[in-house]
Each structure stands twice: as structure tokens, then as C-alpha cells.
N, C-alpha and C. Protein backbone atom coordinates (compact mmCIF):
# COMPACT_ATOMS: atom_id res chain seq x y z
N MET A 1 168.17 80.14 125.45
CA MET A 1 166.84 80.59 125.09
C MET A 1 166.93 81.90 124.33
N THR A 2 166.16 82.02 123.27
CA THR A 2 166.08 83.26 122.52
C THR A 2 164.94 84.09 123.06
N LEU A 3 165.20 85.36 123.25
CA LEU A 3 164.16 86.28 123.71
C LEU A 3 163.12 86.45 122.61
N ARG A 4 161.94 86.88 123.01
CA ARG A 4 160.90 87.15 122.03
C ARG A 4 160.33 88.53 122.31
N MET A 5 160.33 89.36 121.27
CA MET A 5 159.78 90.70 121.38
C MET A 5 158.45 90.74 120.63
N PHE A 6 157.47 91.39 121.25
CA PHE A 6 156.14 91.54 120.67
C PHE A 6 155.88 93.01 120.42
N GLY A 7 155.33 93.31 119.25
CA GLY A 7 154.99 94.68 118.93
C GLY A 7 154.57 94.85 117.49
N ILE A 8 154.81 96.05 116.98
CA ILE A 8 154.46 96.41 115.62
C ILE A 8 155.72 96.94 114.96
N ALA A 9 156.07 96.39 113.81
CA ALA A 9 157.35 96.66 113.17
C ALA A 9 157.62 98.14 112.91
N ASN A 10 156.61 98.90 112.56
CA ASN A 10 156.86 100.30 112.20
C ASN A 10 156.83 101.25 113.40
N CYS A 11 156.71 100.73 114.60
CA CYS A 11 156.71 101.53 115.83
C CYS A 11 158.14 102.01 116.12
N ASP A 12 158.29 103.30 116.38
CA ASP A 12 159.62 103.86 116.66
C ASP A 12 160.25 103.25 117.91
N THR A 13 159.45 102.98 118.93
CA THR A 13 159.99 102.39 120.16
C THR A 13 160.49 100.97 119.88
N ILE A 14 159.76 100.24 119.07
CA ILE A 14 160.20 98.89 118.67
C ILE A 14 161.52 98.98 117.92
N LYS A 15 161.63 99.92 117.01
CA LYS A 15 162.87 100.08 116.25
C LYS A 15 164.05 100.37 117.17
N ARG A 16 163.84 101.23 118.17
CA ARG A 16 164.92 101.55 119.12
C ARG A 16 165.29 100.32 119.95
N ALA A 17 164.28 99.57 120.41
CA ALA A 17 164.55 98.38 121.22
C ALA A 17 165.28 97.31 120.40
N LYS A 18 164.86 97.12 119.17
CA LYS A 18 165.54 96.15 118.29
C LYS A 18 166.99 96.56 118.07
N ALA A 19 167.21 97.83 117.80
CA ALA A 19 168.57 98.33 117.55
C ALA A 19 169.43 98.13 118.79
N TRP A 20 168.88 98.40 119.98
CA TRP A 20 169.63 98.24 121.21
C TRP A 20 170.02 96.78 121.42
N LEU A 21 169.06 95.87 121.27
CA LEU A 21 169.35 94.44 121.44
C LEU A 21 170.41 93.98 120.45
N SER A 22 170.27 94.41 119.20
CA SER A 22 171.24 94.02 118.17
C SER A 22 172.63 94.55 118.49
N ALA A 23 172.71 95.81 118.94
CA ALA A 23 174.01 96.41 119.28
C ALA A 23 174.67 95.68 120.44
N GLU A 24 173.88 95.12 121.34
CA GLU A 24 174.40 94.37 122.48
C GLU A 24 174.68 92.91 122.12
N GLY A 25 174.36 92.52 120.88
CA GLY A 25 174.60 91.14 120.46
C GLY A 25 173.63 90.14 121.06
N ILE A 26 172.44 90.62 121.42
CA ILE A 26 171.44 89.76 122.04
C ILE A 26 170.44 89.31 120.99
N ALA A 27 170.35 88.01 120.79
CA ALA A 27 169.43 87.45 119.78
C ALA A 27 168.00 87.50 120.28
N PHE A 28 167.08 87.73 119.36
CA PHE A 28 165.66 87.76 119.71
C PHE A 28 164.84 87.45 118.48
N ASP A 29 163.64 86.94 118.73
CA ASP A 29 162.63 86.76 117.69
C ASP A 29 161.65 87.91 117.83
N PHE A 30 160.98 88.24 116.72
CA PHE A 30 160.02 89.32 116.76
C PHE A 30 158.65 88.84 116.30
N HIS A 31 157.64 89.12 117.11
CA HIS A 31 156.25 88.80 116.77
C HIS A 31 155.54 90.11 116.45
N ASP A 32 155.14 90.25 115.20
CA ASP A 32 154.47 91.47 114.74
C ASP A 32 152.96 91.28 114.84
N TYR A 33 152.33 92.08 115.70
CA TYR A 33 150.88 91.98 115.88
C TYR A 33 150.12 92.23 114.58
N LYS A 34 150.64 93.11 113.72
CA LYS A 34 149.95 93.43 112.47
C LYS A 34 149.91 92.23 111.54
N LYS A 35 150.96 91.41 111.58
CA LYS A 35 151.03 90.24 110.71
C LYS A 35 150.44 88.99 111.35
N SER A 36 150.66 88.82 112.64
CA SER A 36 150.29 87.57 113.29
C SER A 36 149.21 87.69 114.36
N GLY A 37 148.79 88.90 114.67
CA GLY A 37 147.75 89.10 115.67
C GLY A 37 148.28 88.90 117.08
N ALA A 38 147.37 89.04 118.03
CA ALA A 38 147.70 88.85 119.44
C ALA A 38 147.04 87.56 119.92
N ASP A 39 147.78 86.77 120.65
CA ASP A 39 147.29 85.49 121.16
C ASP A 39 146.48 85.73 122.43
N PRO A 40 145.19 85.34 122.45
CA PRO A 40 144.35 85.59 123.63
C PRO A 40 144.89 84.97 124.93
N ALA A 41 145.38 83.75 124.87
CA ALA A 41 145.88 83.09 126.07
C ALA A 41 147.14 83.78 126.59
N LEU A 42 148.01 84.18 125.68
CA LEU A 42 149.23 84.87 126.07
C LEU A 42 148.92 86.23 126.67
N LEU A 43 147.99 86.96 126.05
CA LEU A 43 147.59 88.26 126.57
C LEU A 43 146.98 88.12 127.97
N GLN A 44 146.16 87.11 128.16
CA GLN A 44 145.57 86.86 129.48
C GLN A 44 146.66 86.59 130.51
N ALA A 45 147.66 85.80 130.13
CA ALA A 45 148.76 85.50 131.05
C ALA A 45 149.54 86.76 131.41
N TRP A 46 149.76 87.63 130.42
CA TRP A 46 150.46 88.89 130.70
C TRP A 46 149.64 89.77 131.64
N VAL A 47 148.34 89.83 131.41
CA VAL A 47 147.47 90.64 132.27
C VAL A 47 147.50 90.09 133.70
N THR A 48 147.49 88.78 133.84
CA THR A 48 147.58 88.16 135.17
C THR A 48 148.91 88.52 135.83
N GLU A 49 149.99 88.47 135.07
CA GLU A 49 151.32 88.75 135.60
C GLU A 49 151.54 90.24 135.89
N LEU A 50 151.16 91.09 134.95
CA LEU A 50 151.55 92.50 135.00
C LEU A 50 150.41 93.47 135.31
N GLY A 51 149.18 93.04 135.05
CA GLY A 51 148.03 93.93 135.19
C GLY A 51 147.70 94.60 133.87
N TRP A 52 146.41 94.75 133.60
CA TRP A 52 146.00 95.35 132.33
C TRP A 52 146.42 96.82 132.27
N GLU A 53 146.54 97.46 133.42
CA GLU A 53 146.92 98.87 133.46
C GLU A 53 148.31 99.10 132.88
N VAL A 54 149.19 98.13 133.03
CA VAL A 54 150.55 98.22 132.48
C VAL A 54 150.53 97.98 130.97
N LEU A 55 149.67 97.10 130.52
CA LEU A 55 149.67 96.68 129.12
C LEU A 55 148.83 97.54 128.18
N LEU A 56 147.78 98.13 128.67
CA LEU A 56 146.89 98.92 127.81
C LEU A 56 147.49 100.29 127.58
N ASN A 57 147.79 100.60 126.33
CA ASN A 57 148.38 101.88 125.96
C ASN A 57 147.27 102.90 125.76
N ARG A 58 146.99 103.65 126.81
CA ARG A 58 145.93 104.65 126.76
C ARG A 58 146.41 105.98 126.18
N ALA A 59 147.71 106.10 125.93
CA ALA A 59 148.25 107.34 125.38
C ALA A 59 148.30 107.32 123.85
N GLY A 60 148.14 106.16 123.25
CA GLY A 60 148.27 106.03 121.80
C GLY A 60 147.06 106.54 121.04
N THR A 61 147.26 106.75 119.75
CA THR A 61 146.19 107.27 118.89
C THR A 61 145.03 106.30 118.74
N THR A 62 145.31 105.00 118.77
CA THR A 62 144.23 104.02 118.62
C THR A 62 143.27 104.11 119.78
N PHE A 63 143.79 104.20 120.99
CA PHE A 63 142.92 104.31 122.16
C PHE A 63 142.19 105.65 122.17
N ARG A 64 142.90 106.72 121.88
CA ARG A 64 142.28 108.05 121.89
C ARG A 64 141.17 108.17 120.86
N ALA A 65 141.24 107.40 119.78
CA ALA A 65 140.23 107.46 118.73
C ALA A 65 138.96 106.66 119.07
N LEU A 66 139.00 105.88 120.14
CA LEU A 66 137.82 105.10 120.53
C LEU A 66 136.67 106.01 120.95
N PRO A 67 135.45 105.54 120.80
CA PRO A 67 134.32 106.29 121.35
C PRO A 67 134.48 106.40 122.87
N ASP A 68 133.99 107.49 123.43
CA ASP A 68 134.14 107.72 124.87
C ASP A 68 133.61 106.56 125.71
N ALA A 69 132.53 105.94 125.27
CA ALA A 69 131.95 104.83 126.03
C ALA A 69 132.95 103.67 126.15
N ASP A 70 133.76 103.44 125.13
CA ASP A 70 134.74 102.36 125.17
C ASP A 70 135.91 102.68 126.09
N LYS A 71 136.14 103.95 126.36
CA LYS A 71 137.27 104.37 127.20
C LYS A 71 136.91 104.42 128.68
N GLN A 72 135.64 104.26 128.99
CA GLN A 72 135.19 104.38 130.37
C GLN A 72 134.91 103.01 130.99
N ASN A 73 134.98 102.97 132.30
CA ASN A 73 134.67 101.75 133.06
C ASN A 73 135.46 100.54 132.58
N ILE A 74 136.75 100.74 132.36
CA ILE A 74 137.59 99.63 131.89
C ILE A 74 137.92 98.73 133.07
N ASP A 75 137.73 97.44 132.84
CA ASP A 75 138.14 96.42 133.79
C ASP A 75 138.99 95.41 133.03
N THR A 76 139.36 94.34 133.67
CA THR A 76 140.23 93.35 133.05
C THR A 76 139.65 92.81 131.74
N GLY A 77 138.40 92.37 131.78
CA GLY A 77 137.77 91.79 130.59
C GLY A 77 137.67 92.78 129.44
N LYS A 78 137.27 94.00 129.76
CA LYS A 78 137.14 95.02 128.71
C LYS A 78 138.51 95.38 128.14
N ALA A 79 139.52 95.49 129.00
CA ALA A 79 140.87 95.82 128.53
C ALA A 79 141.40 94.74 127.60
N ILE A 80 141.22 93.48 127.97
CA ILE A 80 141.68 92.38 127.11
C ILE A 80 140.94 92.40 125.78
N ALA A 81 139.63 92.60 125.81
CA ALA A 81 138.85 92.66 124.57
C ALA A 81 139.33 93.80 123.67
N LEU A 82 139.60 94.95 124.26
CA LEU A 82 140.10 96.08 123.48
C LEU A 82 141.45 95.76 122.83
N MET A 83 142.35 95.17 123.61
CA MET A 83 143.69 94.87 123.10
C MET A 83 143.66 93.77 122.04
N LEU A 84 142.77 92.80 122.19
CA LEU A 84 142.67 91.75 121.16
C LEU A 84 142.07 92.30 119.88
N ALA A 85 141.09 93.19 120.01
CA ALA A 85 140.47 93.78 118.82
C ALA A 85 141.40 94.77 118.13
N ASN A 86 142.25 95.42 118.92
CA ASN A 86 143.17 96.44 118.40
C ASN A 86 144.54 96.23 119.03
N PRO A 87 145.35 95.30 118.51
CA PRO A 87 146.65 95.03 119.12
C PRO A 87 147.56 96.26 119.21
N SER A 88 147.25 97.31 118.45
CA SER A 88 148.02 98.55 118.57
C SER A 88 147.87 99.16 119.95
N MET A 89 146.88 98.74 120.70
CA MET A 89 146.67 99.26 122.05
C MET A 89 147.51 98.54 123.10
N ILE A 90 148.23 97.51 122.71
CA ILE A 90 149.12 96.84 123.65
C ILE A 90 150.41 97.65 123.70
N LYS A 91 150.79 98.06 124.90
CA LYS A 91 152.00 98.85 125.07
C LYS A 91 153.17 98.09 124.48
N ARG A 92 154.08 98.82 123.84
CA ARG A 92 155.17 98.20 123.11
C ARG A 92 156.52 98.72 123.60
N PRO A 93 157.50 97.81 123.44
CA PRO A 93 157.41 96.38 123.20
C PRO A 93 157.11 95.60 124.48
N VAL A 94 156.70 94.37 124.28
CA VAL A 94 156.69 93.41 125.37
C VAL A 94 157.84 92.47 125.06
N LEU A 95 158.81 92.42 125.96
CA LEU A 95 159.97 91.56 125.78
C LEU A 95 159.83 90.38 126.73
N ASP A 96 159.70 89.19 126.15
CA ASP A 96 159.52 87.96 126.93
C ASP A 96 160.89 87.36 127.22
N LEU A 97 161.24 87.33 128.50
CA LEU A 97 162.52 86.78 128.94
C LEU A 97 162.41 85.31 129.35
N GLY A 98 161.24 84.74 129.12
CA GLY A 98 161.01 83.36 129.53
C GLY A 98 160.25 83.31 130.84
N GLY A 99 160.88 83.69 131.93
CA GLY A 99 160.24 83.65 133.23
C GLY A 99 159.56 84.95 133.64
N ARG A 100 159.81 86.01 132.89
CA ARG A 100 159.21 87.31 133.18
C ARG A 100 159.20 88.16 131.92
N ARG A 101 158.45 89.26 131.98
CA ARG A 101 158.32 90.14 130.84
C ARG A 101 158.72 91.57 131.21
N ILE A 102 159.23 92.31 130.23
CA ILE A 102 159.51 93.74 130.36
C ILE A 102 158.58 94.44 129.38
N VAL A 103 157.87 95.46 129.84
CA VAL A 103 156.97 96.21 128.97
C VAL A 103 157.55 97.60 128.77
N GLY A 104 157.59 98.01 127.51
CA GLY A 104 158.18 99.31 127.17
C GLY A 104 159.67 99.15 126.93
N PHE A 105 160.30 100.25 126.52
CA PHE A 105 161.74 100.20 126.29
C PHE A 105 162.42 101.38 126.95
N LYS A 106 163.29 101.05 127.86
CA LYS A 106 164.19 102.01 128.48
C LYS A 106 165.55 101.34 128.50
N PRO A 107 166.54 101.93 127.84
CA PRO A 107 167.86 101.27 127.76
C PRO A 107 168.42 100.87 129.12
N ASP A 108 168.23 101.70 130.15
CA ASP A 108 168.78 101.35 131.46
C ASP A 108 168.10 100.13 132.06
N VAL A 109 166.80 99.98 131.81
CA VAL A 109 166.08 98.79 132.30
C VAL A 109 166.55 97.56 131.54
N TYR A 110 166.67 97.67 130.23
CA TYR A 110 167.16 96.54 129.45
C TYR A 110 168.57 96.16 129.91
N ALA A 111 169.42 97.16 130.12
CA ALA A 111 170.80 96.88 130.56
C ALA A 111 170.79 96.16 131.90
N ALA A 112 169.99 96.65 132.82
CA ALA A 112 169.93 96.02 134.14
C ALA A 112 169.41 94.60 134.06
N GLU A 113 168.41 94.37 133.24
CA GLU A 113 167.78 93.06 133.15
C GLU A 113 168.55 92.07 132.29
N LEU A 114 169.24 92.56 131.26
CA LEU A 114 169.88 91.66 130.30
C LEU A 114 171.40 91.67 130.37
N VAL A 115 171.98 92.84 130.23
CA VAL A 115 173.43 92.93 130.13
C VAL A 115 174.10 92.72 131.48
N SER A 116 173.60 93.38 132.50
CA SER A 116 174.21 93.26 133.83
C SER A 116 174.14 91.84 134.35
N ALA A 117 173.08 91.14 133.99
CA ALA A 117 172.92 89.76 134.43
C ALA A 117 173.73 88.81 133.57
N GLY A 118 174.45 89.34 132.61
CA GLY A 118 175.20 88.51 131.68
C GLY A 118 174.21 87.84 130.74
N THR A 119 174.60 86.76 130.14
CA THR A 119 173.72 86.08 129.22
C THR A 119 172.92 84.98 129.88
N GLU A 120 172.99 84.89 131.21
CA GLU A 120 172.27 83.81 131.90
C GLU A 120 170.76 83.84 131.63
N VAL A 121 170.22 85.03 131.41
CA VAL A 121 168.80 85.14 131.13
C VAL A 121 168.46 84.55 129.76
N LEU A 122 169.47 84.45 128.92
CA LEU A 122 169.26 83.96 127.57
C LEU A 122 169.43 82.46 127.44
N ARG A 123 169.83 81.83 128.49
CA ARG A 123 170.10 80.38 128.43
C ARG A 123 168.96 79.57 128.95
């Protein structure tokens, strides 16, 4: 199985995660939200699995630029609507391992999840 990374190509964190995977010889596909958008059903599944609090990037400039009313009283439905309307608000990267997802990039987490487990996660 080939991993699938979701994000925005010009994001520095995405660039670091891509470089790390490539250096480890781990194949992956990349889904660019700017080019292909965010899939509503997939986003809903991620929210069910991980929680919207993990996925909604409240530290980014896109979220901070929202009107105050949009930043308040966030629940699951509102978070999903915000992320679908502005995929830049989805924390990056989301790395789909098939049976589970990793959100964000930390080399030690990637190493523990991918390299330490060998390539079994990729099959």
C-alpha cells in the first residue's frame, strides 16, 4: 500500500514531511487541497476518528483572519464547514496509513509509526 499525504504543496511542514519520507525511501502520494479540494466524506471520517480539535488549525493565518463570530462556539458541524470552505485550516500534513492517520509532522512520530514498524505498514 502506498501512503497518502494530504496538505498544501507550498507549506513548509509539508515540505519537511515529504523530504523525510523520501529520505527514508517511503513511497507516498500527495493530495494538494489547493488543486483538488477537500473531500467532505473523508474529512467527516477523520473528524470521527481524530476529533475536529485535532484537525482544525486554529494557529494559522487563515483561521486568525476569520471574523470573531466564526471563531466562537465551534462544534463538529461548524469545524467541518470551516475546513471545507478553507482547506488551509486543516492541520497539515494528514498522513493516511490506511488503517489510521497521523496529523502534523514530527520526525520521531513518523519514525516510530513507519520506520520502526518496518515496511509492514506500507503493505
